[in-house]
């Protein structure tokens, strides 16, 4: 199958992630300061859903979405 062949070559389908490390850090920092999800989304220029997903992934312990450790 073509999909399996692509995966073996290191190719992964789907969209690129919207949140990079800088945006992720900004989301966590703003949330720690008590900002609302909507304000965070507008400030970081991502959707409300992306903010929810980023915060939920960190709460579940997903290592790719953990807040940066100082």
PDB file of N, CA and C in Angstrom:
ATOM      1  N   UNK A   1       0.837  -1.187   0.000  1.00  0.00           N
ATOM      2  CA  UNK A   1       0.000   0.000   0.000  1.00  0.00           C
ATOM      3  C   UNK A   1       0.877   1.244   0.000  1.00  0.00           C
ATOM      4  N   UNK A   2       0.451   2.273  -0.682  1.00  0.00           N
ATOM      5  CA  UNK A   2       1.250   3.494  -0.757  1.00  0.00           C
ATOM      6  C   UNK A   2       1.450   4.187   0.589  1.00  0.00           C
ATOM      7  N   UNK A   3       0.450   4.186   1.467  1.00  0.00           N
ATOM      8  CA  UNK A   3       0.577   4.858   2.754  1.00  0.00           C
ATOM      9  C   UNK A   3       1.647   4.197   3.616  1.00  0.00           C
ATOM     10  N   UNK A   4       1.683   2.864   3.589  1.00  0.00           N
ATOM     11  CA  UNK A   4       2.686   2.161   4.381  1.00  0.00           C
ATOM     12  C   UNK A   4       4.080   2.410   3.833  1.00  0.00           C
ATOM     13  N   UNK A   5       4.211   2.477   2.537  1.00  0.00           N
ATOM     14  CA  UNK A   5       5.499   2.760   1.920  1.00  0.00           C
ATOM     15  C   UNK A   5       5.988   4.150   2.304  1.00  0.00           C
ATOM     16  N   UNK A   6       5.072   5.112   2.294  1.00  0.00           N
ATOM     17  CA  UNK A   6       5.426   6.484   2.657  1.00  0.00           C
ATOM     18  C   UNK A   6       5.881   6.550   4.114  1.00  0.00           C
ATOM     19  N   UNK A   7       5.186   5.858   5.001  1.00  0.00           N
ATOM     20  CA  UNK A   7       5.569   5.863   6.419  1.00  0.00           C
ATOM     21  C   UNK A   7       6.951   5.265   6.629  1.00  0.00           C
ATOM     22  N   UNK A   8       7.259   4.224   5.873  1.00  0.00           N
ATOM     23  CA  UNK A   8       8.582   3.606   5.985  1.00  0.00           C
ATOM     24  C   UNK A   8       9.682   4.569   5.572  1.00  0.00           C
ATOM     25  N   UNK A   9       9.348   5.480   4.660  1.00  0.00           N
ATOM     26  CA  UNK A   9      10.320   6.478   4.199  1.00  0.00           C
ATOM     27  C   UNK A   9      10.345   7.716   5.095  1.00  0.00           C
ATOM     28  N   UNK A  10       9.556   7.694   6.163  1.00  0.00           N
ATOM     29  CA  UNK A  10       9.546   8.818   7.089  1.00  0.00           C
ATOM     30  C   UNK A  10       8.592   9.929   6.707  1.00  0.00           C
ATOM     31  N   UNK A  11       7.741   9.695   5.748  1.00  0.00           N
ATOM     32  CA  UNK A  11       6.763  10.694   5.333  1.00  0.00           C
ATOM     33  C   UNK A  11       5.494  10.497   6.148  1.00  0.00           C
ATOM     34  N   UNK A  12       4.966  11.585   6.649  1.00  0.00           N
ATOM     35  CA  UNK A  12       3.755  11.517   7.446  1.00  0.00           C
ATOM     36  C   UNK A  12       2.735  12.451   6.829  1.00  0.00           C
ATOM     37  N   UNK A  13       1.522  11.971   6.677  1.00  0.00           N
ATOM     38  CA  UNK A  13       0.470  12.799   6.104  1.00  0.00           C
ATOM     39  C   UNK A  13      -0.122  13.743   7.127  1.00  0.00           C
ATOM     40  N   UNK A  14      -1.003  14.561   6.667  1.00  0.00           N
ATOM     41  CA  UNK A  14      -1.702  15.477   7.569  1.00  0.00           C
ATOM     42  C   UNK A  14      -1.158  16.883   7.503  1.00  0.00           C
ATOM     43  N   UNK A  15      -1.834  17.739   8.246  1.00  0.00           N
ATOM     44  CA  UNK A  15      -1.448  19.136   8.274  1.00  0.00           C
ATOM     45  C   UNK A  15      -0.270  19.362   9.199  1.00  0.00           C
ATOM     46  N   UNK A  16       0.450  20.423   8.950  1.00  0.00           N
ATOM     47  CA  UNK A  16       1.531  20.806   9.856  1.00  0.00           C
ATOM     48  C   UNK A  16       0.930  21.325  11.147  1.00  0.00           C
ATOM     49  N   UNK A  17       1.612  21.132  12.258  1.00  0.00           N
ATOM     50  CA  UNK A  17       1.105  21.664  13.524  1.00  0.00           C
ATOM     51  C   UNK A  17       1.069  23.189  13.492  1.00  0.00           C
ATOM     52  N   UNK A  18       0.018  23.755  14.068  1.00  0.00           N
ATOM     53  CA  UNK A  18      -0.132  25.206  14.108  1.00  0.00           C
ATOM     54  C   UNK A  18       0.703  25.794  15.235  1.00  0.00           C
ATOM     55  N   UNK A  19       0.878  25.027  16.294  1.00  0.00           N
ATOM     56  CA  UNK A  19       1.551  25.526  17.493  1.00  0.00           C
ATOM     57  C   UNK A  19       3.006  25.080  17.502  1.00  0.00           C
ATOM     58  N   UNK A  20       3.904  26.060  17.455  1.00  0.00           N
ATOM     59  CA  UNK A  20       5.324  25.752  17.589  1.00  0.00           C
ATOM     60  C   UNK A  20       5.715  25.952  19.055  1.00  0.00           C
ATOM     61  N   UNK A  21       6.971  25.785  19.372  1.00  0.00           N
ATOM     62  CA  UNK A  21       7.419  25.883  20.768  1.00  0.00           C
ATOM     63  C   UNK A  21       7.171  27.262  21.363  1.00  0.00           C
ATOM     64  N   UNK A  22       7.366  28.321  20.584  1.00  0.00           N
ATOM     65  CA  UNK A  22       7.152  29.680  21.093  1.00  0.00           C
ATOM     66  C   UNK A  22       5.681  29.928  21.410  1.00  0.00           C
ATOM     67  N   UNK A  23       4.806  29.506  20.502  1.00  0.00           N
ATOM     68  CA  UNK A  23       3.371  29.689  20.735  1.00  0.00           C
ATOM     69  C   UNK A  23       2.908  28.847  21.915  1.00  0.00           C
ATOM     70  N   UNK A  24       3.429  27.621  22.015  1.00  0.00           N
ATOM     71  CA  UNK A  24       3.063  26.742  23.125  1.00  0.00           C
ATOM     72  C   UNK A  24       3.458  27.394  24.453  1.00  0.00           C
ATOM     73  N   UNK A  25       4.661  27.927  24.516  1.00  0.00           N
ATOM     74  CA  UNK A  25       5.121  28.588  25.740  1.00  0.00           C
ATOM     75  C   UNK A  25       4.256  29.803  26.065  1.00  0.00           C
ATOM     76  N   UNK A  26       3.880  30.552  25.049  1.00  0.00           N
ATOM     77  CA  UNK A  26       3.025  31.724  25.255  1.00  0.00           C
ATOM     78  C   UNK A  26       1.649  31.317  25.782  1.00  0.00           C
ATOM     79  N   UNK A  27       1.106  30.235  25.247  1.00  0.00           N
ATOM     80  CA  UNK A  27      -0.202  29.757  25.704  1.00  0.00           C
ATOM     81  C   UNK A  27      -0.131  29.380  27.177  1.00  0.00           C
ATOM     82  N   UNK A  28       0.880  28.609  27.569  1.00  0.00           N
ATOM     83  CA  UNK A  28       1.000  28.197  28.967  1.00  0.00           C
ATOM     84  C   UNK A  28       1.246  29.392  29.885  1.00  0.00           C
ATOM     85  N   UNK A  29       2.081  30.319  29.455  1.00  0.00           N
ATOM     86  CA  UNK A  29       2.383  31.498  30.272  1.00  0.00           C
ATOM     87  C   UNK A  29       1.138  32.356  30.485  1.00  0.00           C
ATOM     88  N   UNK A  30       0.402  32.596  29.409  1.00  0.00           N
ATOM     89  CA  UNK A  30      -0.806  33.410  29.515  1.00  0.00           C
ATOM     90  C   UNK A  30      -1.859  32.724  30.379  1.00  0.00           C
ATOM     91  N   UNK A  31      -1.959  31.400  30.282  1.00  0.00           N
ATOM     92  CA  UNK A  31      -2.945  30.688  31.090  1.00  0.00           C
ATOM     93  C   UNK A  31      -2.569  30.746  32.561  1.00  0.00           C
ATOM     94  N   UNK A  32      -1.261  30.649  32.863  1.00  0.00           N
ATOM     95  CA  UNK A  32      -0.803  30.765  34.254  1.00  0.00           C
ATOM     96  C   UNK A  32      -1.157  32.126  34.841  1.00  0.00           C
ATOM     97  N   UNK A  33      -1.170  33.151  33.969  1.00  0.00           N
ATOM     98  CA  UNK A  33      -1.528  34.499  34.428  1.00  0.00           C
ATOM     99  C   UNK A  33      -3.035  34.681  34.554  1.00  0.00           C
ATOM    100  N   UNK A  34      -3.797  33.649  34.189  1.00  0.00           N
ATOM    101  CA  UNK A  34      -5.236  33.700  34.374  1.00  0.00           C
ATOM    102  C   UNK A  34      -6.024  34.246  33.197  1.00  0.00           C
ATOM    103  N   UNK A  35      -5.402  34.359  32.033  1.00  0.00           N
ATOM    104  CA  UNK A  35      -6.119  34.871  30.866  1.00  0.00           C
ATOM    105  C   UNK A  35      -7.111  33.831  30.367  1.00  0.00           C
ATOM    106  N   UNK A  36      -8.205  34.310  29.779  1.00  0.00           N
ATOM    107  CA  UNK A  36      -9.221  33.401  29.251  1.00  0.00           C
ATOM    108  C   UNK A  36      -8.719  32.743  27.967  1.00  0.00           C
ATOM    109  N   UNK A  37      -9.367  31.645  27.617  1.00  0.00           N
ATOM    110  CA  UNK A  37      -9.002  30.904  26.409  1.00  0.00           C
ATOM    111  C   UNK A  37      -9.147  31.802  25.182  1.00  0.00           C
ATOM    112  N   UNK A  38     -10.216  32.570  25.124  1.00  0.00           N
ATOM    113  CA  UNK A  38     -10.456  33.438  23.961  1.00  0.00           C
ATOM    114  C   UNK A  38      -9.386  34.526  23.826  1.00  0.00           C
ATOM    115  N   UNK A  39      -8.996  35.107  24.938  1.00  0.00           N
ATOM    116  CA  UNK A  39      -7.969  36.144  24.910  1.00  0.00           C
ATOM    117  C   UNK A  39      -6.626  35.550  24.487  1.00  0.00           C
ATOM    118  N   UNK A  40      -6.322  34.367  25.000  1.00  0.00           N
ATOM    119  CA  UNK A  40      -5.082  33.682  24.621  1.00  0.00           C
ATOM    120  C   UNK A  40      -5.077  33.401  23.124  1.00  0.00           C
ATOM    121  N   UNK A  41      -6.183  32.854  22.617  1.00  0.00           N
ATOM    122  CA  UNK A  41      -6.273  32.509  21.196  1.00  0.00           C
ATOM    123  C   UNK A  41      -6.067  33.741  20.318  1.00  0.00           C
ATOM    124  N   UNK A  42      -6.692  34.842  20.682  1.00  0.00           N
ATOM    125  CA  UNK A  42      -6.544  36.065  19.895  1.00  0.00           C
ATOM    126  C   UNK A  42      -5.113  36.596  19.968  1.00  0.00           C
ATOM    127  N   UNK A  43      -4.500  36.523  21.136  1.00  0.00           N
ATOM    128  CA  UNK A  43      -3.150  37.041  21.308  1.00  0.00           C
ATOM    129  C   UNK A  43      -2.085  36.218  20.601  1.00  0.00           C
ATOM    130  N   UNK A  44      -2.289  34.905  20.564  1.00  0.00           N
ATOM    131  CA  UNK A  44      -1.310  34.019  19.950  1.00  0.00           C
ATOM    132  C   UNK A  44      -1.633  33.785  18.473  1.00  0.00           C
ATOM    133  N   UNK A  45      -2.824  34.236  18.070  1.00  0.00           N
ATOM    134  CA  UNK A  45      -3.293  34.108  16.679  1.00  0.00           C
ATOM    135  C   UNK A  45      -3.497  32.652  16.266  1.00  0.00           C
ATOM    136  N   UNK A  46      -4.193  31.913  17.138  1.00  0.00           N
ATOM    137  CA  UNK A  46      -4.621  30.558  16.828  1.00  0.00           C
ATOM    138  C   UNK A  46      -6.097  30.455  17.218  1.00  0.00           C
ATOM    139  N   UNK A  47      -6.725  29.354  16.874  1.00  0.00           N
ATOM    140  CA  UNK A  47      -8.137  29.186  17.206  1.00  0.00           C
ATOM    141  C   UNK A  47      -8.301  28.801  18.675  1.00  0.00           C
ATOM    142  N   UNK A  48      -9.520  28.997  19.154  1.00  0.00           N
ATOM    143  CA  UNK A  48      -9.846  28.610  20.524  1.00  0.00           C
ATOM    144  C   UNK A  48      -9.632  27.106  20.698  1.00  0.00           C
ATOM    145  N   UNK A  49      -9.992  26.342  19.684  1.00  0.00           N
ATOM    146  CA  UNK A  49      -9.818  24.897  19.739  1.00  0.00           C
ATOM    147  C   UNK A  49      -8.370  24.481  19.881  1.00  0.00           C
ATOM    148  N   UNK A  50      -7.476  25.199  19.220  1.00  0.00           N
ATOM    149  CA  UNK A  50      -6.047  24.887  19.313  1.00  0.00           C
ATOM    150  C   UNK A  50      -5.545  25.138  20.731  1.00  0.00           C
ATOM    151  N   UNK A  51      -6.023  26.207  21.354  1.00  0.00           N
ATOM    152  CA  UNK A  51      -5.622  26.496  22.736  1.00  0.00           C
ATOM    153  C   UNK A  51      -6.130  25.385  23.654  1.00  0.00           C
ATOM    154  N   UNK A  52      -7.400  25.005  23.493  1.00  0.00           N
ATOM    155  CA  UNK A  52      -7.954  23.912  24.298  1.00  0.00           C
ATOM    156  C   UNK A  52      -7.150  22.628  24.108  1.00  0.00           C
ATOM    157  N   UNK A  53      -6.846  22.298  22.860  1.00  0.00           N
ATOM    158  CA  UNK A  53      -6.118  21.067  22.562  1.00  0.00           C
ATOM    159  C   UNK A  53      -4.722  21.090  23.183  1.00  0.00           C
ATOM    160  N   UNK A  54      -4.047  22.210  23.106  1.00  0.00           N
ATOM    161  CA  UNK A  54      -2.698  22.343  23.659  1.00  0.00           C
ATOM    162  C   UNK A  54      -2.715  22.182  25.181  1.00  0.00           C
ATOM    163  N   UNK A  55      -3.675  22.839  25.837  1.00  0.00           N
ATOM    164  CA  UNK A  55      -3.766  22.749  27.291  1.00  0.00           C
ATOM    165  C   UNK A  55      -4.190  21.344  27.732  1.00  0.00           C
ATOM    166  N   UNK A  56      -5.110  20.728  27.000  1.00  0.00           N
ATOM    167  CA  UNK A  56      -5.566  19.386  27.353  1.00  0.00           C
ATOM    168  C   UNK A  56      -4.448  18.362  27.185  1.00  0.00           C
ATOM    169  N   UNK A  57      -3.671  18.494  26.127  1.00  0.00           N
ATOM    170  CA  UNK A  57      -2.571  17.557  25.907  1.00  0.00           C
ATOM    171  C   UNK A  57      -1.549  17.654  27.026  1.00  0.00           C
ATOM    172  N   UNK A  58      -1.295  18.863  27.501  1.00  0.00           N
ATOM    173  CA  UNK A  58      -0.350  19.038  28.603  1.00  0.00           C
ATOM    174  C   UNK A  58      -0.907  18.441  29.890  1.00  0.00           C
ATOM    175  N   UNK A  59      -2.210  18.581  30.113  1.00  0.00           N
ATOM    176  CA  UNK A  59      -2.843  18.042  31.317  1.00  0.00           C
ATOM    177  C   UNK A  59      -2.820  16.516  31.309  1.00  0.00           C
ATOM    178  N   UNK A  60      -2.874  15.912  30.120  1.00  0.00           N
ATOM    179  CA  UNK A  60      -2.833  14.457  30.003  1.00  0.00           C
ATOM    180  C   UNK A  60      -1.414  13.907  30.098  1.00  0.00           C
ATOM    181  N   UNK A  61      -0.439  14.793  30.044  1.00  0.00           N
ATOM    182  CA  UNK A  61       0.935  14.345  30.154  1.00  0.00           C
ATOM    183  C   UNK A  61       1.586  14.010  28.838  1.00  0.00           C
ATOM    184  N   UNK A  62       1.028  14.495  27.739  1.00  0.00           N
ATOM    185  CA  UNK A  62       1.624  14.273  26.421  1.00  0.00           C
ATOM    186  C   UNK A  62       2.939  15.029  26.352  1.00  0.00           C
ATOM    187  N   UNK A  63       4.092  14.351  26.257  1.00  0.00           N
ATOM    188  CA  UNK A  63       5.383  15.029  26.348  1.00  0.00           C
ATOM    189  C   UNK A  63       5.631  16.066  25.248  1.00  0.00           C
ATOM    190  N   UNK A  64       4.966  15.957  24.098  1.00  0.00           N
ATOM    191  CA  UNK A  64       5.201  16.944  23.048  1.00  0.00           C
ATOM    192  C   UNK A  64       4.481  18.248  23.332  1.00  0.00           C
ATOM    193  N   UNK A  65       3.524  18.228  24.255  1.00  0.00           N
ATOM    194  CA  UNK A  65       2.772  19.435  24.571  1.00  0.00           C
ATOM    195  C   UNK A  65       2.965  19.884  26.014  1.00  0.00           C
ATOM    196  N   UNK A  66       4.067  19.501  26.611  1.00  0.00           N
ATOM    197  CA  UNK A  66       4.352  19.916  27.978  1.00  0.00           C
ATOM    198  C   UNK A  66       4.850  21.352  27.996  1.00  0.00           C
ATOM    199  N   UNK A  67       4.497  22.094  29.034  1.00  0.00           N
ATOM    200  CA  UNK A  67       5.053  23.435  29.156  1.00  0.00           C
ATOM    201  C   UNK A  67       6.560  23.352  29.354  1.00  0.00           C
ATOM    202  N   UNK A  68       7.291  24.328  28.850  1.00  0.00           N
ATOM    203  CA  UNK A  68       8.745  24.278  29.010  1.00  0.00           C
ATOM    204  C   UNK A  68       9.116  24.369  30.490  1.00  0.00           C
ATOM    205  N   UNK A  69      10.100  23.592  30.897  1.00  0.00           N
ATOM    206  CA  UNK A  69      10.547  23.633  32.286  1.00  0.00           C
ATOM    207  C   UNK A  69      11.613  24.713  32.431  1.00  0.00           C
ATOM    208  N   UNK A  70      11.495  25.531  33.480  1.00  0.00           N
ATOM    209  CA  UNK A  70      12.471  26.639  33.649  1.00  0.00           C
ATOM    210  C   UNK A  70      13.850  26.175  34.007  1.00  0.00           C
TER     211      UNK A  70
END
